[in-house]
Amino acid sequence: MKGKLVFVVCSLLLLVGCGGSSEYEDLIENTVNEVESRLVGSHEDLNVRENAYIYIWDNGRYIGITLNVEDMSQPDYFYEIVDGDYEQIRGYEIDQLMEREPDYREQFGEEI
C-alpha cells in the first residue's frame, strides 16, 4: 500500500512538473502568430518563440516580444490586449512596462 502511494505521488509530481504549459500559452501563441505575420524579407521564416524574450504583465493585458536577431529594424513588439484586439504600444509606454516586474517571462521558448 505504501509503495502504491509513493508511486502515485511521484507520478503526480512528474505530471505537474513536466506540464510545460503556462496559463498564458494561448496568449503567447496568438501573439507569436501576430508577430510572425508582420515579418518580411529574410526574417519571414523566423521561429519567433525560439528567438525571443517574451514578457506578460497585468494578467495578460500587456505582452511584449523582443526578438534576439541581428540586423532587424524592428525587434520589439509590445501590445495591449483590448477586447481581444492587439493594440501596438511604443516608446514611453514600453519603457513604463519594462520598469515593472512581469507576471511571466520566457527566453527562447523556456519559462524563466
N, C-alpha and C. Protein backbone atom coordinates (compact mmCIF):
# COMPACT_ATOMS: atom_id res chain seq x y z
N MET A 1 0.83 -1.20 0.00
CA MET A 1 0.00 0.00 0.00
C MET A 1 0.87 1.25 0.00
N LYS A 2 1.91 1.25 0.86
CA LYS A 2 2.79 2.41 0.95
C LYS A 2 3.51 2.63 -0.38
N GLY A 3 3.90 1.55 -1.02
CA GLY A 3 4.59 1.63 -2.31
C GLY A 3 3.70 2.24 -3.38
N LYS A 4 2.41 1.86 -3.38
CA LYS A 4 1.47 2.43 -4.36
C LYS A 4 1.28 3.91 -4.13
N LEU A 5 1.20 4.32 -2.87
CA LEU A 5 1.03 5.73 -2.54
C LEU A 5 2.23 6.54 -3.01
N VAL A 6 3.43 6.02 -2.77
CA VAL A 6 4.64 6.70 -3.21
C VAL A 6 4.65 6.80 -4.73
N PHE A 7 4.24 5.75 -5.43
CA PHE A 7 4.20 5.75 -6.89
C PHE A 7 3.22 6.80 -7.40
N VAL A 8 2.04 6.86 -6.81
CA VAL A 8 1.02 7.83 -7.23
C VAL A 8 1.51 9.25 -6.99
N VAL A 9 2.09 9.52 -5.83
CA VAL A 9 2.61 10.87 -5.54
C VAL A 9 3.71 11.24 -6.52
N CYS A 10 4.64 10.34 -6.77
CA CYS A 10 5.73 10.62 -7.72
C CYS A 10 5.19 10.86 -9.12
N SER A 11 4.20 10.09 -9.53
CA SER A 11 3.60 10.25 -10.85
C SER A 11 2.94 11.62 -10.98
N LEU A 12 2.20 12.02 -9.95
CA LEU A 12 1.55 13.33 -9.98
C LEU A 12 2.57 14.46 -10.04
N LEU A 13 3.63 14.34 -9.25
CA LEU A 13 4.68 15.36 -9.28
C LEU A 13 5.32 15.44 -10.66
N LEU A 14 5.54 14.33 -11.28
CA LEU A 14 6.13 14.29 -12.61
C LEU A 14 5.21 14.95 -13.63
N LEU A 15 3.91 14.65 -13.57
CA LEU A 15 2.96 15.25 -14.48
C LEU A 15 2.88 16.75 -14.31
N VAL A 16 2.84 17.21 -13.08
CA VAL A 16 2.75 18.65 -12.81
C VAL A 16 4.03 19.34 -13.22
N GLY A 17 5.16 18.77 -12.90
CA GLY A 17 6.45 19.38 -13.20
C GLY A 17 6.78 19.41 -14.66
N CYS A 18 6.29 18.47 -15.44
CA CYS A 18 6.63 18.39 -16.86
C CYS A 18 5.50 18.90 -17.75
N GLY A 19 4.54 19.55 -17.18
CA GLY A 19 3.42 20.03 -17.97
C GLY A 19 3.84 20.96 -19.08
N GLY A 20 4.79 21.87 -18.81
CA GLY A 20 5.33 22.73 -19.84
C GLY A 20 4.35 23.75 -20.38
N SER A 21 3.19 23.84 -19.84
CA SER A 21 2.20 24.76 -20.35
C SER A 21 1.87 25.80 -19.29
N SER A 22 1.92 27.03 -19.68
CA SER A 22 1.59 28.09 -18.73
C SER A 22 0.15 28.53 -18.95
N GLU A 23 -0.36 29.27 -18.01
CA GLU A 23 -1.72 29.80 -18.15
C GLU A 23 -1.82 30.80 -19.28
N TYR A 24 -0.67 31.26 -19.77
CA TYR A 24 -0.63 32.26 -20.84
C TYR A 24 -0.34 31.66 -22.21
N GLU A 25 -0.38 30.35 -22.34
CA GLU A 25 0.01 29.68 -23.58
C GLU A 25 -0.76 30.18 -24.80
N ASP A 26 -2.08 30.31 -24.69
CA ASP A 26 -2.88 30.78 -25.83
C ASP A 26 -2.51 32.21 -26.20
N LEU A 27 -2.34 33.06 -25.20
CA LEU A 27 -1.96 34.45 -25.45
C LEU A 27 -0.61 34.51 -26.16
N ILE A 28 0.34 33.72 -25.69
CA ILE A 28 1.67 33.72 -26.29
C ILE A 28 1.60 33.24 -27.73
N GLU A 29 0.92 32.14 -27.97
CA GLU A 29 0.82 31.60 -29.34
C GLU A 29 0.15 32.59 -30.28
N ASN A 30 -0.93 33.22 -29.84
CA ASN A 30 -1.63 34.20 -30.68
C ASN A 30 -0.73 35.41 -30.98
N THR A 31 0.03 35.84 -29.98
CA THR A 31 0.91 36.98 -30.18
C THR A 31 2.08 36.62 -31.09
N VAL A 32 2.63 35.44 -30.92
CA VAL A 32 3.71 34.97 -31.80
C VAL A 32 3.20 34.94 -33.24
N ASN A 33 1.99 34.45 -33.45
CA ASN A 33 1.41 34.43 -34.80
C ASN A 33 1.25 35.84 -35.35
N GLU A 34 0.83 36.77 -34.50
CA GLU A 34 0.69 38.17 -34.91
C GLU A 34 2.04 38.74 -35.34
N VAL A 35 3.08 38.50 -34.55
CA VAL A 35 4.42 38.99 -34.89
C VAL A 35 4.93 38.34 -36.17
N GLU A 36 4.76 37.03 -36.28
CA GLU A 36 5.23 36.33 -37.48
C GLU A 36 4.55 36.85 -38.74
N SER A 37 3.30 37.26 -38.63
CA SER A 37 2.58 37.80 -39.80
C SER A 37 3.15 39.15 -40.23
N ARG A 38 3.88 39.82 -39.36
CA ARG A 38 4.46 41.13 -39.68
C ARG A 38 5.89 41.05 -40.21
N LEU A 39 6.51 39.88 -40.09
CA LEU A 39 7.89 39.73 -40.52
C LEU A 39 7.98 39.64 -42.04
N VAL A 40 8.99 40.29 -42.60
CA VAL A 40 9.18 40.30 -44.05
C VAL A 40 10.64 40.01 -44.39
N GLY A 41 10.88 39.77 -45.64
CA GLY A 41 12.24 39.59 -46.12
C GLY A 41 12.90 38.35 -45.56
N SER A 42 14.16 38.52 -45.16
CA SER A 42 14.95 37.38 -44.70
C SER A 42 14.47 36.84 -43.35
N HIS A 43 13.58 37.55 -42.69
CA HIS A 43 13.09 37.10 -41.38
C HIS A 43 11.72 36.43 -41.46
N GLU A 44 11.18 36.26 -42.66
CA GLU A 44 9.84 35.67 -42.82
C GLU A 44 9.70 34.30 -42.18
N ASP A 45 10.73 33.48 -42.26
CA ASP A 45 10.65 32.11 -41.76
C ASP A 45 11.20 31.96 -40.35
N LEU A 46 11.40 33.07 -39.66
CA LEU A 46 11.96 33.05 -38.32
C LEU A 46 11.00 32.38 -37.34
N ASN A 47 11.50 31.48 -36.52
CA ASN A 47 10.71 30.91 -35.44
C ASN A 47 10.78 31.92 -34.29
N VAL A 48 9.76 32.73 -34.16
CA VAL A 48 9.75 33.83 -33.20
C VAL A 48 9.96 33.34 -31.78
N ARG A 49 9.25 32.33 -31.40
CA ARG A 49 9.29 31.88 -30.00
C ARG A 49 10.68 31.41 -29.59
N GLU A 50 11.41 30.80 -30.49
CA GLU A 50 12.74 30.30 -30.18
C GLU A 50 13.82 31.38 -30.26
N ASN A 51 13.45 32.57 -30.71
CA ASN A 51 14.42 33.66 -30.86
C ASN A 51 13.98 34.93 -30.14
N ALA A 52 13.22 34.76 -29.06
CA ALA A 52 12.66 35.95 -28.42
C ALA A 52 12.63 35.84 -26.90
N TYR A 53 12.55 37.02 -26.33
CA TYR A 53 12.22 37.19 -24.91
C TYR A 53 10.75 37.61 -24.91
N ILE A 54 9.95 36.95 -24.09
CA ILE A 54 8.52 37.26 -24.02
C ILE A 54 8.19 37.66 -22.59
N TYR A 55 7.45 38.76 -22.47
CA TYR A 55 7.06 39.29 -21.16
C TYR A 55 5.55 39.49 -21.15
N ILE A 56 4.93 39.20 -20.00
CA ILE A 56 3.48 39.42 -19.83
C ILE A 56 3.26 40.16 -18.52
N TRP A 57 2.40 41.19 -18.57
CA TRP A 57 2.07 41.98 -17.39
C TRP A 57 0.55 42.03 -17.22
N ASP A 58 0.13 42.38 -16.01
CA ASP A 58 -1.28 42.60 -15.68
C ASP A 58 -2.18 41.43 -16.13
N ASN A 59 -1.75 40.22 -15.79
CA ASN A 59 -2.54 39.02 -16.09
C ASN A 59 -2.93 38.89 -17.55
N GLY A 60 -2.03 39.31 -18.44
CA GLY A 60 -2.27 39.16 -19.87
C GLY A 60 -2.79 40.39 -20.57
N ARG A 61 -2.90 41.49 -19.88
CA ARG A 61 -3.36 42.73 -20.54
C ARG A 61 -2.29 43.26 -21.48
N TYR A 62 -1.02 43.11 -21.08
CA TYR A 62 0.10 43.57 -21.90
C TYR A 62 1.02 42.40 -22.18
N ILE A 63 1.54 42.35 -23.40
CA ILE A 63 2.53 41.34 -23.77
C ILE A 63 3.58 41.99 -24.65
N GLY A 64 4.83 41.63 -24.39
CA GLY A 64 5.93 42.15 -25.18
C GLY A 64 6.80 41.03 -25.70
N ILE A 65 7.22 41.17 -26.94
CA ILE A 65 8.14 40.21 -27.55
C ILE A 65 9.33 41.00 -28.07
N THR A 66 10.51 40.64 -27.59
CA THR A 66 11.75 41.25 -28.07
C THR A 66 12.55 40.16 -28.77
N LEU A 67 12.74 40.34 -30.07
CA LEU A 67 13.46 39.35 -30.86
C LEU A 67 14.95 39.54 -30.69
N ASN A 68 15.65 38.44 -30.58
CA ASN A 68 17.10 38.44 -30.44
C ASN A 68 17.71 38.06 -31.80
N VAL A 69 17.59 38.99 -32.75
CA VAL A 69 18.03 38.74 -34.12
C VAL A 69 18.84 39.95 -34.59
N GLU A 70 20.01 39.68 -35.15
CA GLU A 70 20.85 40.76 -35.67
C GLU A 70 20.23 41.33 -36.94
N ASP A 71 20.56 42.58 -37.22
CA ASP A 71 20.14 43.25 -38.46
C ASP A 71 18.63 43.31 -38.64
N MET A 72 17.91 43.48 -37.55
CA MET A 72 16.46 43.60 -37.65
C MET A 72 16.08 45.02 -37.30
N SER A 73 15.31 45.65 -38.18
CA SER A 73 14.96 47.06 -37.96
C SER A 73 13.96 47.26 -36.82
N GLN A 74 13.06 46.30 -36.60
CA GLN A 74 12.09 46.41 -35.52
C GLN A 74 12.08 45.12 -34.71
N PRO A 75 12.94 45.03 -33.69
CA PRO A 75 13.00 43.79 -32.91
C PRO A 75 11.99 43.72 -31.76
N ASP A 76 11.27 44.80 -31.47
CA ASP A 76 10.36 44.84 -30.33
C ASP A 76 8.91 44.96 -30.77
N TYR A 77 8.08 44.11 -30.19
CA TYR A 77 6.64 44.13 -30.47
C TYR A 77 5.93 44.09 -29.12
N PHE A 78 5.30 45.19 -28.76
CA PHE A 78 4.59 45.27 -27.49
C PHE A 78 3.14 45.63 -27.77
N TYR A 79 2.24 44.92 -27.08
CA TYR A 79 0.81 45.10 -27.33
C TYR A 79 0.04 45.23 -26.02
N GLU A 80 -1.05 45.97 -26.12
CA GLU A 80 -2.08 45.96 -25.08
C GLU A 80 -3.25 45.21 -25.70
N ILE A 81 -3.78 44.25 -24.97
CA ILE A 81 -4.91 43.47 -25.46
C ILE A 81 -6.18 44.16 -24.98
N VAL A 82 -6.96 44.68 -25.92
CA VAL A 82 -8.19 45.41 -25.61
C VAL A 82 -9.34 44.73 -26.34
N ASP A 83 -10.26 44.15 -25.58
CA ASP A 83 -11.41 43.44 -26.14
C ASP A 83 -10.98 42.41 -27.18
N GLY A 84 -9.88 41.72 -26.92
CA GLY A 84 -9.40 40.67 -27.81
C GLY A 84 -8.58 41.15 -28.99
N ASP A 85 -8.45 42.48 -29.13
CA ASP A 85 -7.67 43.04 -30.24
C ASP A 85 -6.28 43.45 -29.75
N TYR A 86 -5.32 43.36 -30.65
CA TYR A 86 -3.94 43.75 -30.35
C TYR A 86 -3.74 45.21 -30.73
N GLU A 87 -3.44 46.05 -29.73
CA GLU A 87 -3.12 47.44 -29.99
C GLU A 87 -1.65 47.63 -29.68
N GLN A 88 -0.87 47.92 -30.72
CA GLN A 88 0.57 48.05 -30.54
C GLN A 88 0.88 49.31 -29.73
N ILE A 89 1.80 49.15 -28.79
CA ILE A 89 2.24 50.29 -27.99
C ILE A 89 3.72 50.54 -28.29
N ARG A 90 4.15 51.77 -28.08
CA ARG A 90 5.52 52.15 -28.44
C ARG A 90 6.09 53.11 -27.41
N GLY A 91 7.38 53.35 -27.56
CA GLY A 91 8.08 54.39 -26.83
C GLY A 91 7.93 54.37 -25.33
N TYR A 92 7.40 55.47 -24.82
CA TYR A 92 7.31 55.69 -23.38
C TYR A 92 6.49 54.60 -22.69
N GLU A 93 5.43 54.15 -23.33
CA GLU A 93 4.60 53.09 -22.73
C GLU A 93 5.41 51.80 -22.53
N ILE A 94 6.26 51.49 -23.49
CA ILE A 94 7.12 50.30 -23.35
C ILE A 94 8.09 50.49 -22.20
N ASP A 95 8.68 51.69 -22.12
CA ASP A 95 9.61 51.97 -21.02
C ASP A 95 8.94 51.79 -19.67
N GLN A 96 7.70 52.26 -19.55
CA GLN A 96 6.96 52.11 -18.30
C GLN A 96 6.72 50.64 -17.96
N LEU A 97 6.35 49.84 -18.96
CA LEU A 97 6.14 48.42 -18.72
C LEU A 97 7.42 47.73 -18.28
N MET A 98 8.52 48.03 -18.95
CA MET A 98 9.78 47.35 -18.66
C MET A 98 10.32 47.68 -17.27
N GLU A 99 9.86 48.77 -16.67
CA GLU A 99 10.25 49.11 -15.31
C GLU A 99 9.54 48.24 -14.27
N ARG A 100 8.44 47.61 -14.68
CA ARG A 100 7.65 46.79 -13.77
C ARG A 100 8.06 45.33 -13.87
N GLU A 101 7.81 44.60 -12.82
CA GLU A 101 8.09 43.16 -12.80
C GLU A 101 6.99 42.44 -13.59
N PRO A 102 7.34 41.67 -14.60
CA PRO A 102 6.31 40.96 -15.36
C PRO A 102 5.72 39.80 -14.57
N ASP A 103 4.49 39.42 -14.93
CA ASP A 103 3.84 38.25 -14.34
C ASP A 103 4.46 36.97 -14.87
N TYR A 104 4.98 37.04 -16.08
CA TYR A 104 5.53 35.86 -16.76
C TYR A 104 6.67 36.30 -17.66
N ARG A 105 7.71 35.48 -17.72
CA ARG A 105 8.86 35.73 -18.62
C ARG A 105 9.27 34.44 -19.29
N GLU A 106 9.67 34.59 -20.54
CA GLU A 106 10.12 33.44 -21.30
C GLU A 106 11.33 33.85 -22.12
N GLN A 107 12.30 32.98 -22.21
CA GLN A 107 13.51 33.24 -23.01
C GLN A 107 13.72 32.06 -23.95
N PHE A 108 13.66 32.34 -25.24
CA PHE A 108 13.90 31.33 -26.28
C PHE A 108 13.04 30.08 -26.08
N GLY A 109 11.77 30.30 -25.74
CA GLY A 109 10.83 29.20 -25.61
C GLY A 109 10.75 28.53 -24.26
N GLU A 110 11.55 28.99 -23.30
CA GLU A 110 11.56 28.39 -21.96
C GLU A 110 11.18 29.43 -20.92
N GLU A 111 10.25 29.08 -20.04
CA GLU A 111 9.85 29.97 -18.96
C GLU A 111 11.03 30.21 -18.02
N ILE A 112 11.20 31.48 -17.64
CA ILE A 112 12.28 31.81 -16.69
C ILE A 112 11.69 32.49 -15.47
